[in-house]
Amino acid sequence: MTLWTAVLAAALLCFALKAVGYLIPPRWFEASAPSRIVDLLTVALLGALVAVQTLGVGQQIVLDARVPALVVAAGLLIVRAPFLVVVVAAALVAALLRLWGLAA
């Protein structure tokens, strides 16, 4: 299977999955339990993505400059700093730790 075949198959699968979503009756999501599950699922998936991107390198867990940067970003988000400030501060922490040789 060529790469383009795989890309086209994935695109068709995504399109089909989205089309199936339109066929689900809206009343299924109007109840409180499904609505709550959908909201919590979004948060859980985002949290998992952040954890994997921060701690994962291949099949290993690696603690490097990304971890303190994430802690700084979380702290700034808790105090409701602007998003641009959060991103710049986290990048600055990671860059300085790498510059000083304190983290890989």
PDB file of N, CA and C in Angstrom:
ATOM      1  N   MET A   1       0.845  -1.167   0.000  1.00  0.00           N
ATOM      2  CA  MET A   1       0.000   0.000   0.000  1.00  0.00           C
ATOM      3  C   MET A   1       0.897   1.238   0.000  1.00  0.00           C
ATOM      4  N   THR A   2       0.659   2.110  -0.913  1.00  0.00           N
ATOM      5  CA  THR A   2       1.465   3.323  -0.988  1.00  0.00           C
ATOM      6  C   THR A   2       1.004   4.325   0.061  1.00  0.00           C
ATOM      7  N   LEU A   3       1.826   5.312   0.274  1.00  0.00           N
ATOM      8  CA  LEU A   3       1.506   6.338   1.261  1.00  0.00           C
ATOM      9  C   LEU A   3       0.240   7.094   0.866  1.00  0.00           C
ATOM     10  N   TRP A   4       0.091   7.388  -0.415  1.00  0.00           N
ATOM     11  CA  TRP A   4      -1.093   8.131  -0.858  1.00  0.00           C
ATOM     12  C   TRP A   4      -2.366   7.318  -0.671  1.00  0.00           C
ATOM     13  N   THR A   5      -2.288   6.029  -0.840  1.00  0.00           N
ATOM     14  CA  THR A   5      -3.459   5.184  -0.607  1.00  0.00           C
ATOM     15  C   THR A   5      -3.864   5.240   0.857  1.00  0.00           C
ATOM     16  N   ALA A   6      -2.884   5.190   1.729  1.00  0.00           N
ATOM     17  CA  ALA A   6      -3.167   5.267   3.163  1.00  0.00           C
ATOM     18  C   ALA A   6      -3.758   6.630   3.526  1.00  0.00           C
ATOM     19  N   VAL A   7      -3.229   7.692   2.955  1.00  0.00           N
ATOM     20  CA  VAL A   7      -3.743   9.036   3.235  1.00  0.00           C
ATOM     21  C   VAL A   7      -5.183   9.167   2.739  1.00  0.00           C
ATOM     22  N   LEU A   8      -5.453   8.698   1.544  1.00  0.00           N
ATOM     23  CA  LEU A   8      -6.814   8.770   1.004  1.00  0.00           C
ATOM     24  C   LEU A   8      -7.776   7.900   1.807  1.00  0.00           C
ATOM     25  N   ALA A   9      -7.342   6.724   2.228  1.00  0.00           N
ATOM     26  CA  ALA A   9      -8.198   5.857   3.044  1.00  0.00           C
ATOM     27  C   ALA A   9      -8.511   6.521   4.383  1.00  0.00           C
ATOM     28  N   ALA A  10      -7.513   7.149   4.994  1.00  0.00           N
ATOM     29  CA  ALA A  10      -7.739   7.842   6.265  1.00  0.00           C
ATOM     30  C   ALA A  10      -8.689   9.020   6.082  1.00  0.00           C
ATOM     31  N   ALA A  11      -8.544   9.746   4.979  1.00  0.00           N
ATOM     32  CA  ALA A  11      -9.431  10.882   4.713  1.00  0.00           C
ATOM     33  C   ALA A  11     -10.862  10.413   4.519  1.00  0.00           C
ATOM     34  N   LEU A  12     -11.043   9.334   3.777  1.00  0.00           N
ATOM     35  CA  LEU A  12     -12.393   8.791   3.576  1.00  0.00           C
ATOM     36  C   LEU A  12     -12.992   8.296   4.880  1.00  0.00           C
ATOM     37  N   LEU A  13     -12.176   7.670   5.721  1.00  0.00           N
ATOM     38  CA  LEU A  13     -12.660   7.194   7.016  1.00  0.00           C
ATOM     39  C   LEU A  13     -13.089   8.362   7.896  1.00  0.00           C
ATOM     40  N   CYS A  14     -12.309   9.429   7.911  1.00  0.00           N
ATOM     41  CA  CYS A  14     -12.666  10.611   8.695  1.00  0.00           C
ATOM     42  C   CYS A  14     -13.958  11.247   8.177  1.00  0.00           C
ATOM     43  N   PHE A  15     -14.082  11.320   6.860  1.00  0.00           N
ATOM     44  CA  PHE A  15     -15.299  11.871   6.270  1.00  0.00           C
ATOM     45  C   PHE A  15     -16.513  11.018   6.634  1.00  0.00           C
ATOM     46  N   ALA A  16     -16.381   9.695   6.557  1.00  0.00           N
ATOM     47  CA  ALA A  16     -17.480   8.792   6.902  1.00  0.00           C
ATOM     48  C   ALA A  16     -17.855   8.924   8.378  1.00  0.00           C
ATOM     49  N   LEU A  17     -16.851   9.050   9.240  1.00  0.00           N
ATOM     50  CA  LEU A  17     -17.113   9.196  10.666  1.00  0.00           C
ATOM     51  C   LEU A  17     -17.857  10.493  10.956  1.00  0.00           C
ATOM     52  N   LYS A  18     -17.470  11.564  10.274  1.00  0.00           N
ATOM     53  CA  LYS A  18     -18.160  12.842  10.448  1.00  0.00           C
ATOM     54  C   LYS A  18     -19.594  12.753   9.926  1.00  0.00           C
ATOM     55  N   ALA A  19     -19.793  12.076   8.811  1.00  0.00           N
ATOM     56  CA  ALA A  19     -21.142  11.916   8.253  1.00  0.00           C
ATOM     57  C   ALA A  19     -22.032  11.120   9.196  1.00  0.00           C
ATOM     58  N   VAL A  20     -21.490  10.111   9.841  1.00  0.00           N
ATOM     59  CA  VAL A  20     -22.274   9.326  10.800  1.00  0.00           C
ATOM     60  C   VAL A  20     -22.692  10.203  11.973  1.00  0.00           C
ATOM     61  N   GLY A  21     -21.828  11.145  12.360  1.00  0.00           N
ATOM     62  CA  GLY A  21     -22.159  12.054  13.456  1.00  0.00           C
ATOM     63  C   GLY A  21     -23.402  12.882  13.170  1.00  0.00           C
ATOM     64  N   TYR A  22     -23.630  13.228  11.924  1.00  0.00           N
ATOM     65  CA  TYR A  22     -24.824  13.993  11.563  1.00  0.00           C
ATOM     66  C   TYR A  22     -26.084  13.131  11.593  1.00  0.00           C
ATOM     67  N   LEU A  23     -25.939  11.833  11.542  1.00  0.00           N
ATOM     68  CA  LEU A  23     -27.092  10.943  11.557  1.00  0.00           C
ATOM     69  C   LEU A  23     -27.593  10.640  12.965  1.00  0.00           C
ATOM     70  N   ILE A  24     -26.797  10.943  13.981  1.00  0.00           N
ATOM     71  CA  ILE A  24     -27.203  10.697  15.364  1.00  0.00           C
ATOM     72  C   ILE A  24     -28.258  11.735  15.748  1.00  0.00           C
ATOM     73  N   PRO A  25     -29.384  11.289  16.288  1.00  0.00           N
ATOM     74  CA  PRO A  25     -30.443  12.239  16.656  1.00  0.00           C
ATOM     75  C   PRO A  25     -29.976  13.215  17.744  1.00  0.00           C
ATOM     76  N   PRO A  26     -30.295  14.500  17.604  1.00  0.00           N
ATOM     77  CA  PRO A  26     -29.865  15.502  18.599  1.00  0.00           C
ATOM     78  C   PRO A  26     -30.400  15.225  19.999  1.00  0.00           C
ATOM     79  N   ARG A  27     -31.547  14.564  20.111  1.00  0.00           N
ATOM     80  CA  ARG A  27     -32.121  14.322  21.428  1.00  0.00           C
ATOM     81  C   ARG A  27     -31.248  13.414  22.278  1.00  0.00           C
ATOM     82  N   TRP A  28     -30.361  12.641  21.645  1.00  0.00           N
ATOM     83  CA  TRP A  28     -29.437  11.778  22.397  1.00  0.00           C
ATOM     84  C   TRP A  28     -28.443  12.611  23.205  1.00  0.00           C
ATOM     85  N   PHE A  29     -28.143  13.802  22.715  1.00  0.00           N
ATOM     86  CA  PHE A  29     -27.160  14.644  23.398  1.00  0.00           C
ATOM     87  C   PHE A  29     -27.806  15.697  24.290  1.00  0.00           C
ATOM     88  N   GLU A  30     -29.130  15.808  24.254  1.00  0.00           N
ATOM     89  CA  GLU A  30     -29.807  16.806  25.068  1.00  0.00           C
ATOM     90  C   GLU A  30     -29.934  16.374  26.518  1.00  0.00           C
ATOM     91  N   ALA A  31     -29.874  15.092  26.791  1.00  0.00           N
ATOM     92  CA  ALA A  31     -29.929  14.612  28.169  1.00  0.00           C
ATOM     93  C   ALA A  31     -28.659  15.037  28.908  1.00  0.00           C
ATOM     94  N   SER A  32     -28.740  15.107  30.228  1.00  0.00           N
ATOM     95  CA  SER A  32     -27.603  15.622  30.996  1.00  0.00           C
ATOM     96  C   SER A  32     -26.410  14.665  30.988  1.00  0.00           C
ATOM     97  N   ALA A  33     -26.638  13.365  31.060  1.00  0.00           N
ATOM     98  CA  ALA A  33     -25.520  12.413  31.131  1.00  0.00           C
ATOM     99  C   ALA A  33     -24.670  12.420  29.852  1.00  0.00           C
ATOM    100  N   PRO A  34     -25.254  12.273  28.659  1.00  0.00           N
ATOM    101  CA  PRO A  34     -24.402  12.323  27.460  1.00  0.00           C
ATOM    102  C   PRO A  34     -23.697  13.664  27.278  1.00  0.00           C
ATOM    103  N   SER A  35     -24.365  14.746  27.632  1.00  0.00           N
ATOM    104  CA  SER A  35     -23.756  16.063  27.504  1.00  0.00           C
ATOM    105  C   SER A  35     -22.549  16.177  28.423  1.00  0.00           C
ATOM    106  N   ARG A  36     -22.693  15.699  29.643  1.00  0.00           N
ATOM    107  CA  ARG A  36     -21.588  15.737  30.613  1.00  0.00           C
ATOM    108  C   ARG A  36     -20.430  14.848  30.148  1.00  0.00           C
ATOM    109  N   ILE A  37     -20.741  13.679  29.617  1.00  0.00           N
ATOM    110  CA  ILE A  37     -19.707  12.759  29.143  1.00  0.00           C
ATOM    111  C   ILE A  37     -18.929  13.377  27.982  1.00  0.00           C
ATOM    112  N   VAL A  38     -19.648  14.006  27.059  1.00  0.00           N
ATOM    113  CA  VAL A  38     -18.984  14.642  25.918  1.00  0.00           C
ATOM    114  C   VAL A  38     -18.055  15.759  26.395  1.00  0.00           C
ATOM    115  N   ASP A  39     -18.497  16.557  27.361  1.00  0.00           N
ATOM    116  CA  ASP A  39     -17.654  17.632  27.896  1.00  0.00           C
ATOM    117  C   ASP A  39     -16.409  17.076  28.579  1.00  0.00           C
ATOM    118  N   LEU A  40     -16.586  16.046  29.408  1.00  0.00           N
ATOM    119  CA  LEU A  40     -15.453  15.468  30.129  1.00  0.00           C
ATOM    120  C   LEU A  40     -14.510  14.720  29.201  1.00  0.00           C
ATOM    121  N   LEU A  41     -15.047  14.127  28.145  1.00  0.00           N
ATOM    122  CA  LEU A  41     -14.209  13.408  27.192  1.00  0.00           C
ATOM    123  C   LEU A  41     -13.250  14.362  26.483  1.00  0.00           C
ATOM    124  N   THR A  42     -13.725  15.544  26.168  1.00  0.00           N
ATOM    125  CA  THR A  42     -12.871  16.545  25.526  1.00  0.00           C
ATOM    126  C   THR A  42     -11.713  16.924  26.435  1.00  0.00           C
ATOM    127  N   VAL A  43     -11.995  17.163  27.700  1.00  0.00           N
ATOM    128  CA  VAL A  43     -10.949  17.526  28.658  1.00  0.00           C
ATOM    129  C   VAL A  43      -9.967  16.375  28.844  1.00  0.00           C
ATOM    130  N   ALA A  44     -10.476  15.159  28.943  1.00  0.00           N
ATOM    131  CA  ALA A  44      -9.601  13.996  29.130  1.00  0.00           C
ATOM    132  C   ALA A  44      -8.686  13.785  27.924  1.00  0.00           C
ATOM    133  N   LEU A  45      -9.215  13.931  26.736  1.00  0.00           N
ATOM    134  CA  LEU A  45      -8.382  13.766  25.544  1.00  0.00           C
ATOM    135  C   LEU A  45      -7.318  14.846  25.448  1.00  0.00           C
ATOM    136  N   LEU A  46      -7.667  16.074  25.779  1.00  0.00           N
ATOM    137  CA  LEU A  46      -6.682  17.153  25.753  1.00  0.00           C
ATOM    138  C   LEU A  46      -5.601  16.921  26.808  1.00  0.00           C
ATOM    139  N   GLY A  47      -5.996  16.487  27.999  1.00  0.00           N
ATOM    140  CA  GLY A  47      -5.025  16.182  29.049  1.00  0.00           C
ATOM    141  C   GLY A  47      -4.085  15.057  28.648  1.00  0.00           C
ATOM    142  N   ALA A  48      -4.624  14.025  28.016  1.00  0.00           N
ATOM    143  CA  ALA A  48      -3.795  12.912  27.555  1.00  0.00           C
ATOM    144  C   ALA A  48      -2.823  13.369  26.477  1.00  0.00           C
ATOM    145  N   LEU A  49      -3.270  14.213  25.579  1.00  0.00           N
ATOM    146  CA  LEU A  49      -2.394  14.733  24.526  1.00  0.00           C
ATOM    147  C   LEU A  49      -1.248  15.541  25.125  1.00  0.00           C
ATOM    148  N   VAL A  50      -1.554  16.393  26.102  1.00  0.00           N
ATOM    149  CA  VAL A  50      -0.511  17.194  26.749  1.00  0.00           C
ATOM    150  C   VAL A  50       0.484  16.282  27.462  1.00  0.00           C
ATOM    151  N   ALA A  51      -0.007  15.269  28.172  1.00  0.00           N
ATOM    152  CA  ALA A  51       0.884  14.350  28.890  1.00  0.00           C
ATOM    153  C   ALA A  51       1.793  13.589  27.933  1.00  0.00           C
ATOM    154  N   VAL A  52       1.242  13.090  26.856  1.00  0.00           N
ATOM    155  CA  VAL A  52       2.048  12.320  25.898  1.00  0.00           C
ATOM    156  C   VAL A  52       3.086  13.214  25.223  1.00  0.00           C
ATOM    157  N   GLN A  53       2.687  14.416  24.832  1.00  0.00           N
ATOM    158  CA  GLN A  53       3.620  15.308  24.162  1.00  0.00           C
ATOM    159  C   GLN A  53       4.692  15.854  25.108  1.00  0.00           C
ATOM    160  N   THR A  54       4.373  15.950  26.405  1.00  0.00           N
ATOM    161  CA  THR A  54       5.323  16.484  27.368  1.00  0.00           C
ATOM    162  C   THR A  54       6.288  15.417  27.861  1.00  0.00           C
ATOM    163  N   LEU A  55       5.782  14.230  28.144  1.00  0.00           N
ATOM    164  CA  LEU A  55       6.596  13.203  28.787  1.00  0.00           C
ATOM    165  C   LEU A  55       7.091  12.120  27.847  1.00  0.00           C
ATOM    166  N   GLY A  56       6.505  11.988  26.691  1.00  0.00           N
ATOM    167  CA  GLY A  56       6.829  10.858  25.837  1.00  0.00           C
ATOM    168  C   GLY A  56       7.835  11.159  24.751  1.00  0.00           C
ATOM    169  N   VAL A  57       8.798  10.249  24.609  1.00  0.00           N
ATOM    170  CA  VAL A  57       9.721  10.252  23.479  1.00  0.00           C
ATOM    171  C   VAL A  57       9.816   8.811  23.028  1.00  0.00           C
ATOM    172  N   GLY A  58       9.162   8.490  21.931  1.00  0.00           N
ATOM    173  CA  GLY A  58       9.114   7.102  21.482  1.00  0.00           C
ATOM    174  C   GLY A  58       8.338   6.268  22.485  1.00  0.00           C
ATOM    175  N   GLN A  59       8.985   5.222  23.000  1.00  0.00           N
ATOM    176  CA  GLN A  59       8.359   4.338  23.975  1.00  0.00           C
ATOM    177  C   GLN A  59       8.828   4.640  25.401  1.00  0.00           C
ATOM    178  N   GLN A  60       9.506   5.761  25.607  1.00  0.00           N
ATOM    179  CA  GLN A  60      10.071   6.086  26.910  1.00  0.00           C
ATOM    180  C   GLN A  60       9.403   7.311  27.512  1.00  0.00           C
ATOM    181  N   ILE A  61       9.472   7.377  28.844  1.00  0.00           N
ATOM    182  CA  ILE A  61       9.053   8.577  29.556  1.00  0.00           C
ATOM    183  C   ILE A  61      10.315   9.372  29.857  1.00  0.00           C
ATOM    184  N   VAL A  62      10.338  10.625  29.439  1.00  0.00           N
ATOM    185  CA  VAL A  62      11.524  11.461  29.576  1.00  0.00           C
ATOM    186  C   VAL A  62      11.137  12.733  30.329  1.00  0.00           C
ATOM    187  N   LEU A  63      11.906  13.031  31.370  1.00  0.00           N
ATOM    188  CA  LEU A  63      11.705  14.278  32.111  1.00  0.00           C
ATOM    189  C   LEU A  63      12.789  15.247  31.667  1.00  0.00           C
ATOM    190  N   ASP A  64      12.400  16.232  30.888  1.00  0.00           N
ATOM    191  CA  ASP A  64      13.359  17.210  30.389  1.00  0.00           C
ATOM    192  C   ASP A  64      12.808  18.616  30.610  1.00  0.00           C
ATOM    193  N   ALA A  65      13.228  19.562  29.823  1.00  0.00           N
ATOM    194  CA  ALA A  65      12.849  20.965  30.014  1.00  0.00           C
ATOM    195  C   ALA A  65      11.361  21.211  29.787  1.00  0.00           C
ATOM    196  N   ARG A  66      10.686  20.286  29.149  1.00  0.00           N
ATOM    197  CA  ARG A  66       9.259  20.491  28.886  1.00  0.00           C
ATOM    198  C   ARG A  66       8.421  20.420  30.159  1.00  0.00           C
ATOM    199  N   VAL A  67       8.873  19.627  31.142  1.00  0.00           N
ATOM    200  CA  VAL A  67       8.092  19.469  32.372  1.00  0.00           C
ATOM    201  C   VAL A  67       8.046  20.771  33.175  1.00  0.00           C
ATOM    202  N   PRO A  68       9.201  21.399  33.503  1.00  0.00           N
ATOM    203  CA  PRO A  68       9.106  22.695  34.201  1.00  0.00           C
ATOM    204  C   PRO A  68       8.369  23.753  33.375  1.00  0.00           C
ATOM    205  N   ALA A  69       8.526  23.717  32.067  1.00  0.00           N
ATOM    206  CA  ALA A  69       7.809  24.676  31.215  1.00  0.00           C
ATOM    207  C   ALA A  69       6.302  24.472  31.333  1.00  0.00           C
ATOM    208  N   LEU A  70       5.871  23.212  31.394  1.00  0.00           N
ATOM    209  CA  LEU A  70       4.442  22.926  31.559  1.00  0.00           C
ATOM    210  C   LEU A  70       3.946  23.389  32.929  1.00  0.00           C
ATOM    211  N   VAL A  71       4.770  23.227  33.956  1.00  0.00           N
ATOM    212  CA  VAL A  71       4.389  23.683  35.300  1.00  0.00           C
ATOM    213  C   VAL A  71       4.226  25.200  35.315  1.00  0.00           C
ATOM    214  N   VAL A  72       5.155  25.907  34.683  1.00  0.00           N
ATOM    215  CA  VAL A  72       5.057  27.368  34.598  1.00  0.00           C
ATOM    216  C   VAL A  72       3.795  27.764  33.826  1.00  0.00           C
ATOM    217  N   ALA A  73       3.537  27.086  32.715  1.00  0.00           N
ATOM    218  CA  ALA A  73       2.341  27.400  31.914  1.00  0.00           C
ATOM    219  C   ALA A  73       1.068  27.145  32.718  1.00  0.00           C
ATOM    220  N   ALA A  74       1.029  26.036  33.452  1.00  0.00           N
ATOM    221  CA  ALA A  74      -0.163  25.737  34.271  1.00  0.00           C
ATOM    222  C   ALA A  74      -0.360  26.796  35.345  1.00  0.00           C
ATOM    223  N   GLY A  75       0.734  27.208  35.979  1.00  0.00           N
ATOM    224  CA  GLY A  75       0.623  28.252  37.002  1.00  0.00           C
ATOM    225  C   GLY A  75       0.110  29.562  36.432  1.00  0.00           C
ATOM    226  N   LEU A  76       0.609  29.926  35.272  1.00  0.00           N
ATOM    227  CA  LEU A  76       0.139  31.170  34.649  1.00  0.00           C
ATOM    228  C   LEU A  76      -1.317  31.062  34.200  1.00  0.00           C
ATOM    229  N   LEU A  77      -1.723  29.882  33.755  1.00  0.00           N
ATOM    230  CA  LEU A  77      -3.133  29.712  33.383  1.00  0.00           C
ATOM    231  C   LEU A  77      -4.043  29.790  34.601  1.00  0.00           C
ATOM    232  N   ILE A  78      -3.556  29.285  35.738  1.00  0.00           N
ATOM    233  CA  ILE A  78      -4.361  29.346  36.969  1.00  0.00           C
ATOM    234  C   ILE A  78      -4.603  30.791  37.384  1.00  0.00           C
ATOM    235  N   VAL A  79      -3.580  31.642  37.222  1.00  0.00           N
ATOM    236  CA  VAL A  79      -3.760  33.056  37.583  1.00  0.00           C
ATOM    237  C   VAL A  79      -4.363  33.867  36.436  1.00  0.00           C
ATOM    238  N   ARG A  80      -4.782  33.166  35.395  1.00  0.00           N
ATOM    239  CA  ARG A  80      -5.482  33.763  34.257  1.00  0.00           C
ATOM    240  C   ARG A  80      -4.638  34.770  33.469  1.00  0.00           C
ATOM    241  N   ALA A  81      -3.388  34.412  33.243  1.00  0.00           N
ATOM    242  CA  ALA A  81      -2.523  35.245  32.404  1.00  0.00           C
ATOM    243  C   ALA A  81      -2.975  35.104  30.950  1.00  0.00           C
ATOM    244  N   PRO A  82      -2.713  36.096  30.121  1.00  0.00           N
ATOM    245  CA  PRO A  82      -3.054  35.987  28.698  1.00  0.00           C
ATOM    246  C   PRO A  82      -2.308  34.815  28.055  1.00  0.00           C
ATOM    247  N   PHE A  83      -2.946  34.195  27.085  1.00  0.00           N
ATOM    248  CA  PHE A  83      -2.391  32.981  26.486  1.00  0.00           C
ATOM    249  C   PHE A  83      -1.023  33.226  25.863  1.00  0.00           C
ATOM    250  N   LEU A  84      -0.839  34.362  25.229  1.00  0.00           N
ATOM    251  CA  LEU A  84       0.456  34.676  24.624  1.00  0.00           C
ATOM    252  C   LEU A  84       1.548  34.736  25.693  1.00  0.00           C
ATOM    253  N   VAL A  85       1.239  35.301  26.840  1.00  0.00           N
ATOM    254  CA  VAL A  85       2.191  35.358  27.950  1.00  0.00           C
ATOM    255  C   VAL A  85       2.528  33.946  28.424  1.00  0.00           C
ATOM    256  N   VAL A  86       1.532  33.087  28.503  1.00  0.00           N
ATOM    257  CA  VAL A  86       1.740  31.703  28.929  1.00  0.00           C
ATOM    258  C   VAL A  86       2.685  30.990  27.978  1.00  0.00           C
ATOM    259  N   VAL A  87       2.447  31.105  26.698  1.00  0.00           N
ATOM    260  CA  VAL A  87       3.275  30.423  25.694  1.00  0.00           C
ATOM    261  C   VAL A  87       4.701  30.941  25.717  1.00  0.00           C
ATOM    262  N   VAL A  88       4.866  32.256  25.758  1.00  0.00           N
ATOM    263  CA  VAL A  88       6.209  32.849  25.758  1.00  0.00           C
ATOM    264  C   VAL A  88       6.958  32.476  27.036  1.00  0.00           C
ATOM    265  N   ALA A  89       6.300  32.513  28.175  1.00  0.00           N
ATOM    266  CA  ALA A  89       6.962  32.176  29.445  1.00  0.00           C
ATOM    267  C   ALA A  89       7.389  30.713  29.466  1.00  0.00           C
ATOM    268  N   ALA A  90       6.530  29.824  28.998  1.00  0.00           N
ATOM    269  CA  ALA A  90       6.885  28.400  28.974  1.00  0.00           C
ATOM    270  C   ALA A  90       8.047  28.150  28.024  1.00  0.00           C
ATOM    271  N   ALA A  91       8.026  28.774  26.870  1.00  0.00           N
ATOM    272  CA  ALA A  91       9.134  28.614  25.919  1.00  0.00           C
ATOM    273  C   ALA A  91      10.424  29.178  26.498  1.00  0.00           C
ATOM    274  N   LEU A  92      10.337  30.293  27.187  1.00  0.00           N
ATOM    275  CA  LEU A  92      11.516  30.914  27.795  1.00  0.00           C
ATOM    276  C   LEU A  92      12.097  30.020  28.890  1.00  0.00           C
ATOM    277  N   VAL A  93      11.258  29.433  29.720  1.00  0.00           N
ATOM    278  CA  VAL A  93      11.732  28.526  30.767  1.00  0.00           C
ATOM    279  C   VAL A  93      12.448  27.333  30.152  1.00  0.00           C
ATOM    280  N   ALA A  94      11.845  26.719  29.150  1.00  0.00           N
ATOM    281  CA  ALA A  94      12.469  25.556  28.508  1.00  0.00           C
ATOM    282  C   ALA A  94      13.789  25.944  27.841  1.00  0.00           C
ATOM    283  N   ALA A  95      13.808  27.088  27.179  1.00  0.00           N
ATOM    284  CA  ALA A  95      15.032  27.524  26.492  1.00  0.00           C
ATOM    285  C   ALA A  95      16.146  27.827  27.482  1.00  0.00           C
ATOM    286  N   LEU A  96      15.818  28.497  28.571  1.00  0.00           N
ATOM    287  CA  LEU A  96      16.847  28.821  29.562  1.00  0.00           C
ATOM    288  C   LEU A  96      17.386  27.573  30.250  1.00  0.00           C
ATOM    289  N   LEU A  97      16.519  26.645  30.575  1.00  0.00           N
ATOM    290  CA  LEU A  97      16.983  25.394  31.188  1.00  0.00           C
ATOM    291  C   LEU A  97      17.907  24.626  30.256  1.00  0.00           C
ATOM    292  N   ARG A  98      17.584  24.619  28.985  1.00  0.00           N
ATOM    293  CA  ARG A  98      18.451  23.949  28.019  1.00  0.00           C
ATOM    294  C   ARG A  98      19.757  24.711  27.821  1.00  0.00           C
ATOM    295  N   LEU A  99      19.698  26.038  27.819  1.00  0.00           N
ATOM    296  CA  LEU A  99      20.886  26.855  27.659  1.00  0.00           C
ATOM    297  C   LEU A  99      21.853  26.642  28.823  1.00  0.00           C
ATOM    298  N   TRP A 100      21.322  26.591  30.043  1.00  0.00           N
ATOM    299  CA  TRP A 100      22.144  26.435  31.231  1.00  0.00           C
ATOM    300  C   TRP A 100      22.563  24.976  31.459  1.00  0.00           C
ATOM    301  N   GLY A 101      22.089  24.072  30.616  1.00  0.00           N
ATOM    302  CA  GLY A 101      22.475  22.673  30.741  1.00  0.00           C
ATOM    303  C   GLY A 101      21.780  21.943  31.874  1.00  0.00           C
ATOM    304  N   LEU A 102      20.695  22.486  32.372  1.00  0.00           N
ATOM    305  CA  LEU A 102      19.971  21.853  33.475  1.00  0.00           C
ATOM    306  C   LEU A 102      18.963  20.821  32.982  1.00  0.00           C
ATOM    307  N   ALA A 103      18.640  20.846  31.723  1.00  0.00           N
ATOM    308  CA  ALA A 103      17.688  19.885  31.158  1.00  0.00           C
ATOM    309  C   ALA A 103      18.067  19.646  29.698  1.00  0.00           C
ATOM    310  N   ALA A 104      17.695  18.472  29.238  1.00  0.00           N
ATOM    311  CA  ALA A 104      18.007  18.099  27.844  1.00  0.00           C
ATOM    312  C   ALA A 104      17.071  18.775  26.885  1.00  0.00           C
TER     313      ALA A 104
END
